[in-house]
């Protein structure tokens, strides 16, 4: 068992060392090595292929000369018996060193052969195999020999020196080796340059991210090369790094807005909580001296304390609702809006007895959502309309298959206030004396967006405000 475990550990050790090496090396080094290795392998492959082609062509030219000599010998010496035709084998110049060999050793001529005769030569003479080329050495010189069929029962051997061919092959090999070495060196330089240039935007992005992490400054942006990147890097012509930088800038913009909204929410919540908390503390201190208060004073202080507690509780609940960005999926169901809006209108009539709610359903759409949240959405719209309606003024509620509209006949929304009516804690100058925390419409829009709907506000024709919920 221990031996098997040791073998497994030994097999995994090179992989672990490679993984540790990759973790220790920066991306630029790894990319440069990968690029250089790829280019170097291509260079070596091209040089090896070029050397092989050159060597083949040089040897092929020599083989063609041997074939031509063998054909010439067959034409000029037809009917001749075994013998040595050209004996200048020390030089092996044209005409080539040539001899005719019989299939049977008993028929060999008296003069000795100058070229090596092997059983393969006898097999060619006997017609048992085809001709072949071979590398030999004659008189201390390298040569290439062709053995082929001459006539019935004989073979002809033709040889030429291959010094020039071998020298050409050697020179070609040295040249290709030099080219390959220079190519590998150039591949290393170009690989490093390519990695440095290609990863420069990534390095800037990394430096920006580290700066943001250190300073917590979300206003920093990455400089992009062209206008396409400033549009968020979504242009099809932008490269991947530019698109990444654009997406990173867009993410930083969202982060900056989120941080700004969070700070504004905390500041606004602190401001809104300061007044009711001060009143709570005053009433609590007053009730602490209950022995000095008359029953009427004690009752007023208790009622004020309860009212302020309700306001603080409502404000905290609204803040909790606004802090939730999406609806719980487990509670989503198909909701018929006709009965839901009718229920909200009846509830509003009970809360606002001085306001006439006119409900005119013209459809009964179905929407996937959370019923309690949709009730809160419609209820906030109705409460807002009732709050600004004059005594006895109507609030017109219309439901169609495409959306819901709620219109009041109050003072309406001033043009300068219209862009901010859905902001948290925003209260127009005409509404600051009315009850509320300024969170109702912000919560209504958040619930609408969570349900895939759009909530807008506009000035109603003839006066008043019109809120339109579009599915």
Protein backbone atom coordinates (compact mmCIF):
# COMPACT_ATOMS: atom_id res chain seq x y z
CA UNK A 1 0.00 0.00 0.00
CA UNK A 2 2.75 2.43 0.89
CA UNK A 3 4.62 1.63 -2.32
CA UNK A 4 1.52 2.33 -4.45
CA UNK A 5 0.91 5.58 -2.59
CA UNK A 6 4.52 6.61 -3.13
CA UNK A 7 4.26 5.86 -6.85
CA UNK A 8 1.03 7.90 -7.11
CA UNK A 9 2.67 10.75 -5.22
CA UNK A 10 5.69 10.59 -7.51
CA UNK A 11 3.44 10.67 -10.58
CA UNK A 12 1.55 13.70 -9.28
CA UNK A 13 4.69 15.57 -8.25
CA UNK A 14 5.66 16.89 -11.75
CA UNK A 15 2.13 18.15 -12.26
CA UNK A 16 2.20 19.87 -8.86
CA UNK A 17 5.54 21.47 -9.63
CA UNK A 18 4.20 22.70 -12.98
CA UNK A 19 1.10 24.14 -11.30
CA UNK A 20 3.21 25.90 -8.66
CA UNK A 21 5.48 27.28 -11.38
CA UNK A 22 2.49 28.67 -13.27
CA UNK A 23 1.13 30.29 -10.11
CA UNK A 24 4.48 31.92 -9.35
CA UNK A 25 5.00 33.33 -12.86
CA UNK A 26 3.12 36.46 -13.94
CA UNK A 27 0.71 36.28 -16.85
CA UNK A 28 3.04 38.35 -19.04
CA UNK A 29 5.85 35.82 -18.62
CA UNK A 30 3.58 32.87 -19.33
CA UNK A 31 2.11 34.55 -22.40
CA UNK A 32 5.56 35.48 -23.69
CA UNK A 33 6.79 31.91 -23.20
CA UNK A 34 3.72 30.45 -24.90
CA UNK A 35 3.99 32.85 -27.85
CA UNK A 36 7.74 32.35 -28.20
CA UNK A 37 7.41 28.58 -28.00
CA UNK A 38 4.70 28.53 -30.67
CA UNK A 39 6.70 30.76 -33.04
CA UNK A 40 9.91 28.81 -32.35
CA UNK A 41 8.21 25.49 -33.09
CA UNK A 42 6.83 26.88 -36.36
CA UNK A 43 10.31 28.21 -37.27
CA UNK A 44 11.98 24.88 -36.49
CA UNK A 45 9.31 23.02 -38.44
CA UNK A 46 9.73 25.27 -41.49
CA UNK A 47 13.53 24.96 -41.36
CA UNK A 48 13.35 21.19 -40.97
CA UNK A 49 10.93 20.95 -43.88
CA UNK A 50 13.17 23.21 -46.02
CA UNK A 51 16.24 21.14 -45.19
CA UNK A 52 14.44 17.90 -46.04
CA UNK A 53 13.27 19.31 -49.39
CA UNK A 54 16.75 20.58 -50.30
CA UNK A 55 18.40 17.27 -49.37
CA UNK A 56 15.80 15.35 -51.36
CA UNK A 57 16.31 17.54 -54.43
CA UNK A 58 20.11 17.22 -54.34
CA UNK A 59 19.99 13.44 -53.97
CA UNK A 60 17.25 13.21 -56.57
CA UNK A 61 19.42 15.05 -59.11
CA UNK A 62 22.24 12.56 -58.48
CA UNK A 63 19.81 9.65 -58.89
CA UNK A 64 18.65 11.08 -62.23
CA UNK A 65 22.27 11.16 -63.46
CA UNK A 66 22.75 7.53 -62.41
CA UNK A 67 19.56 6.52 -64.22
CA UNK A 68 20.68 8.31 -67.35
CA UNK A 69 24.07 6.58 -67.22
CA UNK A 70 22.46 3.18 -66.70
CA UNK A 71 20.16 3.74 -69.67
CA UNK A 72 23.09 4.82 -71.84
CA UNK A 73 25.07 1.72 -70.84
CA UNK A 74 22.15 -0.54 -71.72
CA UNK A 75 21.87 1.08 -75.16
CA UNK A 76 25.61 1.00 -75.99
CA UNK A 77 26.51 -2.41 -74.58
CA UNK A 78 23.53 -4.54 -75.56
CA UNK A 79 24.53 -8.21 -75.79
CA UNK A 80 27.73 -7.80 -73.73
CA UNK A 81 28.58 -10.26 -70.97
CA UNK A 82 29.70 -9.65 -67.42
CA UNK A 83 32.65 -7.28 -67.19
CA UNK A 84 33.88 -3.95 -65.87
CA UNK A 85 33.08 -1.24 -68.44
CA UNK A 86 34.50 1.96 -66.94
CA UNK A 87 37.24 1.58 -64.45
CA UNK A 88 37.86 5.17 -63.37
CA UNK A 89 36.24 4.52 -60.04
CA UNK A 90 38.79 6.60 -58.14
CA UNK A 91 37.40 9.77 -59.66
CA UNK A 92 33.89 8.51 -60.51
CA UNK A 93 33.42 11.30 -63.00
CA UNK A 94 31.40 10.98 -66.14
CA UNK A 95 31.43 8.40 -67.59
CA UNK A 96 30.49 6.74 -64.32
CA UNK A 97 32.19 3.71 -62.92
CA UNK A 98 30.15 0.87 -64.45
CA UNK A 99 30.14 -2.92 -64.32
CA UNK A 100 27.90 -5.77 -65.49
CA UNK A 101 27.27 -8.52 -62.90
CA UNK A 102 25.78 -11.98 -63.65
CA UNK A 103 23.21 -13.71 -61.44
CA UNK A 104 25.54 -16.70 -60.93
CA UNK A 105 28.97 -16.13 -59.33
CA UNK A 106 30.44 -18.84 -61.59
CA UNK A 107 30.00 -16.56 -64.60
CA UNK A 108 31.95 -13.66 -63.05
CA UNK A 109 34.76 -12.27 -65.26
CA UNK A 110 38.39 -12.85 -64.37
CA UNK A 111 38.98 -9.19 -63.67
CA UNK A 112 37.90 -8.21 -60.15
CA UNK A 113 34.86 -6.00 -59.65
CA UNK A 114 35.51 -2.43 -58.57
CA UNK A 115 32.05 -1.90 -57.08
CA UNK A 116 30.66 -4.03 -54.22
CA UNK A 117 28.63 -7.03 -55.35
CA UNK A 118 26.14 -8.34 -52.78
CA UNK A 119 23.40 -10.97 -52.75
CA UNK A 120 20.97 -8.14 -53.50
CA UNK A 121 22.92 -7.50 -56.71
CA UNK A 122 22.61 -11.17 -57.73
CA UNK A 123 18.84 -11.02 -56.91
CA UNK A 124 18.42 -8.04 -59.27
CA UNK A 125 20.35 -9.87 -62.00
CA UNK A 126 18.14 -12.94 -61.52
CA UNK A 127 15.01 -10.79 -61.73
CA UNK A 128 14.02 -11.57 -58.14
CA UNK A 129 13.86 -7.92 -57.08
CA UNK A 130 13.81 -4.47 -58.60
CA UNK A 131 16.61 -1.97 -58.89
CA UNK A 132 17.77 0.07 -55.93
CA UNK A 133 20.04 2.93 -54.90
CA UNK A 134 22.71 2.55 -52.22
CA UNK A 135 25.41 4.66 -50.58
CA UNK A 136 28.92 3.19 -50.86
CA UNK A 137 32.56 4.19 -50.44
CA UNK A 138 34.97 3.72 -53.34
CA UNK A 139 38.69 4.48 -53.03
CA UNK A 140 37.97 6.41 -49.83
CA UNK A 141 35.35 8.61 -51.45
CA UNK A 142 31.61 8.58 -50.74
CA UNK A 143 29.54 7.51 -53.74
CA UNK A 144 26.00 6.64 -54.69
CA UNK A 145 25.34 3.52 -56.73
CA UNK A 146 22.39 2.35 -58.82
CA UNK A 147 21.86 -1.38 -59.32
CA UNK A 148 19.30 -2.26 -61.99
CA UNK A 149 18.44 -5.03 -64.47
CA UNK A 150 20.70 -5.11 -67.58
CA UNK A 151 19.68 -8.16 -69.60
CA UNK A 152 18.50 -11.67 -68.94
CA UNK A 153 20.56 -13.00 -66.04
CA UNK A 154 22.65 -9.86 -65.57
CA UNK A 155 22.52 -6.54 -63.72
CA UNK A 156 24.34 -3.29 -64.30
CA UNK A 157 25.86 -1.20 -61.50
CA UNK A 158 26.56 2.51 -62.02
CA UNK A 159 28.26 4.70 -59.38
CA UNK A 160 29.02 8.43 -59.05
CA UNK A 161 30.82 10.30 -56.31
CA UNK A 162 28.50 12.10 -53.90
CA UNK A 163 31.00 14.45 -52.27
CA UNK A 164 29.38 17.54 -53.78
CA UNK A 165 25.91 16.36 -52.82
CA UNK A 166 26.91 15.64 -49.23
CA UNK A 167 28.70 18.98 -49.02
CA UNK A 168 25.59 20.73 -50.35
CA UNK A 169 23.42 18.89 -47.82
CA UNK A 170 25.81 19.82 -45.01
CA UNK A 171 25.88 23.48 -46.05
CA UNK A 172 22.09 23.50 -46.30
CA UNK A 173 21.86 21.98 -42.82
CA UNK A 174 24.21 24.59 -41.37
CA UNK A 175 22.27 27.37 -43.07
CA UNK A 176 18.95 26.04 -41.84
CA UNK A 177 20.37 25.60 -38.33
CA UNK A 178 21.53 29.23 -38.33
CA UNK A 179 18.14 30.38 -39.63
CA UNK A 180 16.38 28.26 -37.00
CA UNK A 181 18.56 29.67 -34.20
CA UNK A 182 17.94 33.23 -35.36
CA UNK A 183 14.23 32.44 -35.67
CA UNK A 184 14.07 31.07 -32.12
CA UNK A 185 15.88 34.15 -30.78
CA UNK A 186 13.62 36.46 -32.75
CA UNK A 187 10.59 34.50 -31.55
CA UNK A 188 11.64 35.11 -27.95
CA UNK A 189 12.04 38.85 -28.53
CA UNK A 190 8.80 39.16 -30.45
CA UNK A 191 6.94 37.00 -27.94
CA UNK A 192 8.02 39.24 -25.08
CA UNK A 193 7.15 42.37 -27.07
CA UNK A 194 3.76 40.94 -28.06
CA UNK A 195 2.99 39.95 -24.47
CA UNK A 196 4.06 43.35 -23.16
CA UNK A 197 2.05 45.23 -25.79
CA UNK A 198 -0.99 42.98 -25.68
CA UNK A 199 -1.24 43.00 -21.89
CA UNK A 200 -0.58 46.72 -21.46
CA UNK A 201 -4.35 47.52 -21.28
CA UNK A 202 -4.80 44.66 -18.83
CA UNK A 203 -1.96 46.07 -16.73
CA UNK A 204 -3.66 49.50 -16.73
CA UNK A 205 -6.95 47.86 -15.77
CA UNK A 206 -5.24 45.97 -12.94
CA UNK A 207 -3.55 49.15 -11.70
CA UNK A 208 -6.89 50.96 -11.76
CA UNK A 209 -8.59 48.15 -9.84
CA UNK A 210 -5.80 48.14 -7.24
CA UNK A 211 -6.04 51.92 -6.92
CA UNK A 212 -9.80 51.73 -6.39
CA UNK A 213 -9.34 48.96 -3.82
CA UNK A 214 -6.74 51.07 -1.97
CA UNK A 215 -8.48 54.45 -2.15
CA UNK A 216 -12.15 53.33 -2.42
CA UNK A 217 -12.53 56.00 -5.10
CA UNK A 218 -15.13 54.78 -7.62
CA UNK A 219 -14.79 57.91 -9.78
CA UNK A 220 -11.60 56.60 -11.42
CA UNK A 221 -11.98 55.45 -15.05
CA UNK A 222 -9.77 53.62 -17.54
CA UNK A 223 -8.70 55.61 -20.59
CA UNK A 224 -10.12 53.96 -23.70
CA UNK A 225 -8.54 54.25 -27.15
CA UNK A 226 -11.57 55.41 -29.10
CA UNK A 227 -15.16 56.57 -28.83
CA UNK A 228 -16.49 53.05 -29.21
CA UNK A 229 -14.97 52.07 -25.89
CA UNK A 230 -16.55 55.12 -24.23
CA UNK A 231 -19.94 53.72 -25.21
CA UNK A 232 -19.27 50.75 -22.97
CA UNK A 233 -17.16 48.59 -25.29
CA UNK A 234 -20.20 46.93 -26.86
CA UNK A 235 -19.26 47.86 -30.44
CA UNK A 236 -18.63 44.79 -32.59
CA UNK A 237 -15.46 46.44 -33.97
CA UNK A 238 -13.84 46.86 -30.55
CA UNK A 239 -11.28 44.30 -29.47
CA UNK A 240 -11.74 42.14 -26.41
CA UNK A 241 -9.50 44.22 -24.14
CA UNK A 242 -11.27 47.45 -25.14
CA UNK A 243 -14.63 45.83 -24.49
CA UNK A 244 -13.36 44.59 -21.11
CA UNK A 245 -12.16 48.08 -20.21
CA UNK A 246 -15.48 49.56 -21.33
CA UNK A 247 -17.41 47.01 -19.28
CA UNK A 248 -15.15 47.77 -16.31
CA UNK A 249 -15.86 51.51 -16.70
CA UNK A 250 -19.58 50.78 -16.91
CA UNK A 251 -19.31 48.67 -13.74
CA UNK A 252 -17.44 51.51 -12.01
CA UNK A 253 -20.19 53.90 -13.08
CA UNK A 254 -22.83 51.63 -11.57
CA UNK A 255 -20.72 51.25 -8.44
CA UNK A 256 -20.33 55.01 -8.14
CA UNK A 257 -24.07 55.50 -8.51
CA UNK A 258 -24.73 52.78 -5.95
CA UNK A 259 -22.31 54.31 -3.45
CA UNK A 260 -23.78 57.77 -4.04
CA UNK A 261 -27.32 56.44 -3.65
CA UNK A 262 -26.35 54.60 -0.48
CA UNK A 263 -24.80 57.69 1.05
CA UNK A 264 -27.77 59.80 0.04
CA UNK A 265 -30.15 57.22 1.49
CA UNK A 266 -28.27 57.17 4.79
CA UNK A 267 -28.19 60.97 4.92
CA UNK A 268 -31.87 61.31 4.01
CA UNK A 269 -32.92 58.58 6.42
CA UNK A 270 -30.92 60.23 9.20
CA UNK A 271 -32.57 63.54 8.43
CA UNK A 272 -36.07 62.04 8.32
CA UNK A 273 -35.54 60.06 11.54
CA UNK A 274 -34.15 63.03 13.46
CA UNK A 275 -37.53 64.80 13.84
CA UNK A 276 -39.63 61.83 15.07
CA UNK A 277 -36.81 60.64 17.33
CA UNK A 278 -36.57 64.09 18.88
CA UNK A 279 -40.33 64.10 19.45
CA UNK A 280 -40.13 60.61 20.95
CA UNK A 281 -37.41 61.66 23.34
CA UNK A 282 -39.35 64.78 24.35
CA UNK A 283 -42.56 62.84 25.00
CA UNK A 284 -40.64 60.11 26.84
CA UNK A 285 -38.93 62.69 29.08
CA UNK A 286 -42.29 64.35 29.65
CA UNK A 287 -43.94 61.07 30.63
CA UNK A 288 -41.05 60.38 32.99
CA UNK A 289 -42.39 63.26 35.11
CA UNK A 290 -45.90 61.87 35.08
CA UNK A 291 -46.50 62.98 38.69
CA UNK A 292 -46.35 66.62 37.53
CA UNK A 293 -48.77 66.18 34.60
CA UNK A 294 -52.49 66.53 34.55
CA UNK A 295 -54.50 63.64 33.07
CA UNK A 296 -55.09 65.68 29.91
CA UNK A 297 -51.37 66.42 29.50
CA UNK A 298 -50.54 62.77 30.15
CA UNK A 299 -53.07 61.66 27.50
CA UNK A 300 -51.70 64.10 24.90
CA UNK A 301 -48.12 63.01 25.57
CA UNK A 302 -49.10 59.33 25.32
CA UNK A 303 -50.98 59.93 22.05
CA UNK A 304 -48.03 61.88 20.65
CA UNK A 305 -45.63 59.12 21.68
CA UNK A 306 -47.77 56.48 19.99
CA UNK A 307 -48.10 58.59 16.84
CA UNK A 308 -44.38 59.14 16.61
CA UNK A 309 -43.75 55.44 17.19
CA UNK A 310 -46.06 54.61 14.30
CA UNK A 311 -44.26 57.09 12.06
CA UNK A 312 -40.84 55.70 12.96
CA UNK A 313 -42.07 52.13 12.52
CA UNK A 314 -43.57 52.96 9.12
CA UNK A 315 -40.41 54.75 8.03
CA UNK A 316 -38.19 51.83 9.08
CA UNK A 317 -40.47 49.34 7.30
CA UNK A 318 -40.37 51.46 4.15
CA UNK A 319 -36.58 51.56 4.29
CA UNK A 320 -36.46 47.79 4.64
CA UNK A 321 -38.76 47.41 1.64
CA UNK A 322 -36.62 49.77 -0.44
CA UNK A 323 -33.45 47.89 0.52
CA UNK A 324 -34.84 44.76 -1.15
CA UNK A 325 -33.90 44.87 -4.85
CA UNK A 326 -35.96 41.93 -6.12
CA UNK A 327 -39.02 39.92 -5.24
CA UNK A 328 -38.71 36.55 -3.44
CA UNK A 329 -39.14 33.96 -6.20
CA UNK A 330 -40.81 31.47 -3.89
CA UNK A 331 -43.81 33.85 -3.48
CA UNK A 332 -44.30 34.69 -7.18
CA UNK A 333 -47.63 33.56 -8.63
CA UNK A 334 -50.06 34.55 -11.37
CA UNK A 335 -52.12 37.44 -10.00
CA UNK A 336 -55.42 38.69 -11.45
CA UNK A 337 -55.18 42.45 -11.19
CA UNK A 338 -58.91 43.14 -11.47
CA UNK A 339 -59.87 41.80 -8.00
CA UNK A 340 -56.59 43.09 -6.53
CA UNK A 341 -57.16 46.69 -7.68
CA UNK A 342 -60.80 46.52 -6.55
CA UNK A 343 -59.66 45.43 -3.08
CA UNK A 344 -57.11 48.27 -2.94
CA UNK A 345 -59.78 50.82 -3.96
CA UNK A 346 -62.15 49.58 -1.23
CA UNK A 347 -59.38 49.78 1.36
CA UNK A 348 -58.50 53.32 0.28
CA UNK A 349 -62.13 54.37 0.55
CA UNK A 350 -62.08 53.25 4.18
CA UNK A 351 -58.88 55.22 4.91
CA UNK A 352 -59.84 58.35 2.94
CA UNK A 353 -63.55 58.85 3.53
CA UNK A 354 -63.48 62.41 2.20
CA UNK A 355 -62.16 61.34 -1.21
CA UNK A 356 -64.33 59.84 -3.95
CA UNK A 357 -62.56 56.92 -5.61
CA UNK A 358 -63.94 56.13 -9.07
CA UNK A 359 -62.87 52.70 -10.30
CA UNK A 360 -63.52 51.86 -13.96
CA UNK A 361 -62.14 48.42 -14.89
CA UNK A 362 -61.80 47.84 -18.65
CA UNK A 363 -59.94 44.57 -18.45
CA UNK A 364 -58.62 41.94 -16.07
CA UNK A 365 -54.95 41.30 -16.92
CA UNK A 366 -52.88 38.58 -15.24
CA UNK A 367 -49.37 39.36 -14.05
CA UNK A 368 -46.77 37.06 -12.44
CA UNK A 369 -45.79 38.62 -9.14
CA UNK A 370 -46.14 38.77 -5.37
CA UNK A 371 -49.74 39.75 -4.40
CA UNK A 372 -48.75 41.55 -1.20
CA UNK A 373 -46.19 43.67 -3.06
CA UNK A 374 -48.64 44.54 -5.83
CA UNK A 375 -51.19 45.57 -3.18
CA UNK A 376 -48.53 47.83 -1.69
CA UNK A 377 -47.81 49.33 -5.12
CA UNK A 378 -51.44 50.14 -5.91
CA UNK A 379 -52.10 51.27 -2.34
CA UNK A 380 -49.19 53.74 -2.45
CA UNK A 381 -50.51 55.23 -5.68
CA UNK A 382 -54.01 55.60 -4.24
CA UNK A 383 -52.74 57.09 -0.97
CA UNK A 384 -50.61 59.60 -2.87
CA UNK A 385 -53.57 60.64 -5.04
CA UNK A 386 -55.88 60.92 -2.04
CA UNK A 387 -53.35 62.98 -0.10
CA UNK A 388 -53.26 65.67 -2.80
CA UNK A 389 -56.98 65.58 -3.72
CA UNK A 390 -59.18 68.38 -2.39
CA UNK A 391 -62.05 67.38 -0.06
CA UNK A 392 -64.71 65.68 -2.15
CA UNK A 393 -62.43 65.60 -5.18
CA UNK A 394 -62.47 62.41 -7.22
CA UNK A 395 -59.58 59.98 -7.77
CA UNK A 396 -60.04 58.20 -11.10
CA UNK A 397 -58.68 54.63 -11.27
CA UNK A 398 -58.69 52.87 -14.66
CA UNK A 399 -57.49 49.31 -15.31
CA UNK A 400 -56.95 47.99 -18.85
CA UNK A 401 -55.13 45.01 -20.30
CA UNK A 402 -52.11 47.22 -20.92
CA UNK A 403 -51.82 49.00 -17.59
CA UNK A 404 -53.27 50.98 -14.69
CA UNK A 405 -53.80 54.74 -14.42
CA UNK A 406 -54.49 56.76 -11.25
CA UNK A 407 -55.47 60.40 -11.61
CA UNK A 408 -56.23 63.01 -8.99
CA UNK A 409 -57.58 66.54 -9.32
CA UNK A 410 -55.21 68.22 -6.91
CA UNK A 411 -52.59 70.92 -7.56
CA UNK A 412 -50.63 68.60 -9.89
CA UNK A 413 -46.88 68.27 -10.18
CA UNK A 414 -44.75 71.30 -10.94
CA UNK A 415 -42.50 70.90 -14.00
CA UNK A 416 -39.39 71.37 -11.88
CA UNK A 417 -40.52 68.60 -9.51
CA UNK A 418 -41.57 66.09 -12.18
CA UNK A 419 -38.11 64.49 -12.69
CA UNK A 420 -37.73 63.87 -8.95
CA UNK A 421 -41.12 62.57 -7.82
CA UNK A 422 -39.82 58.98 -7.60
CA UNK A 423 -36.64 59.84 -5.70
CA UNK A 424 -36.31 58.62 -2.13
CA UNK A 425 -37.28 61.18 0.51
CA UNK A 426 -38.03 63.78 -2.16
CA UNK A 427 -40.93 66.01 -1.20
CA UNK A 428 -42.08 68.91 -3.29
CA UNK A 429 -42.50 72.28 -1.62
CA UNK A 430 -46.28 71.90 -1.79
CA UNK A 431 -46.14 68.52 0.00
CA UNK A 432 -43.80 69.28 2.88
CA UNK A 433 -46.67 70.18 5.19
CA UNK A 434 -48.50 66.90 4.41
CA UNK A 435 -47.91 63.64 6.31
CA UNK A 436 -45.56 61.07 4.83
CA UNK A 437 -41.88 60.25 4.55
CA UNK A 438 -41.36 60.70 0.82
CA UNK A 439 -40.78 56.98 0.25
CA UNK A 440 -44.16 55.87 -1.10
CA UNK A 441 -43.61 56.66 -4.78
CA UNK A 442 -40.00 55.45 -4.70
CA UNK A 443 -41.22 52.15 -3.31
CA UNK A 444 -44.00 51.98 -5.92
CA UNK A 445 -41.55 52.37 -8.80
CA UNK A 446 -39.19 49.76 -7.30
CA UNK A 447 -42.04 47.24 -7.00
CA UNK A 448 -43.15 48.04 -10.56
CA UNK A 449 -39.68 47.43 -11.97
CA UNK A 450 -39.34 44.21 -10.01
CA UNK A 451 -42.52 43.00 -11.75
CA UNK A 452 -41.37 44.05 -15.22
CA UNK A 453 -43.63 47.12 -15.37
CA UNK A 454 -42.92 50.81 -15.85
CA UNK A 455 -44.33 53.55 -13.60
CA UNK A 456 -44.38 57.14 -14.87
CA UNK A 457 -45.85 60.45 -13.71
CA UNK A 458 -47.19 63.30 -15.77
CA UNK A 459 -49.39 66.34 -15.52
CA UNK A 460 -53.04 65.46 -16.20
CA UNK A 461 -55.01 67.47 -18.77
CA UNK A 462 -57.16 70.01 -16.93
CA UNK A 463 -55.09 69.84 -13.73
CA UNK A 464 -53.99 67.21 -11.28
CA UNK A 465 -51.42 64.42 -11.55
CA UNK A 466 -51.61 61.24 -13.61
CA UNK A 467 -49.62 58.14 -12.67
CA UNK A 468 -49.41 55.48 -15.36
CA UNK A 469 -48.40 51.87 -14.67
CA UNK A 470 -47.58 50.08 -17.96
CA UNK A 471 -47.27 46.30 -18.04
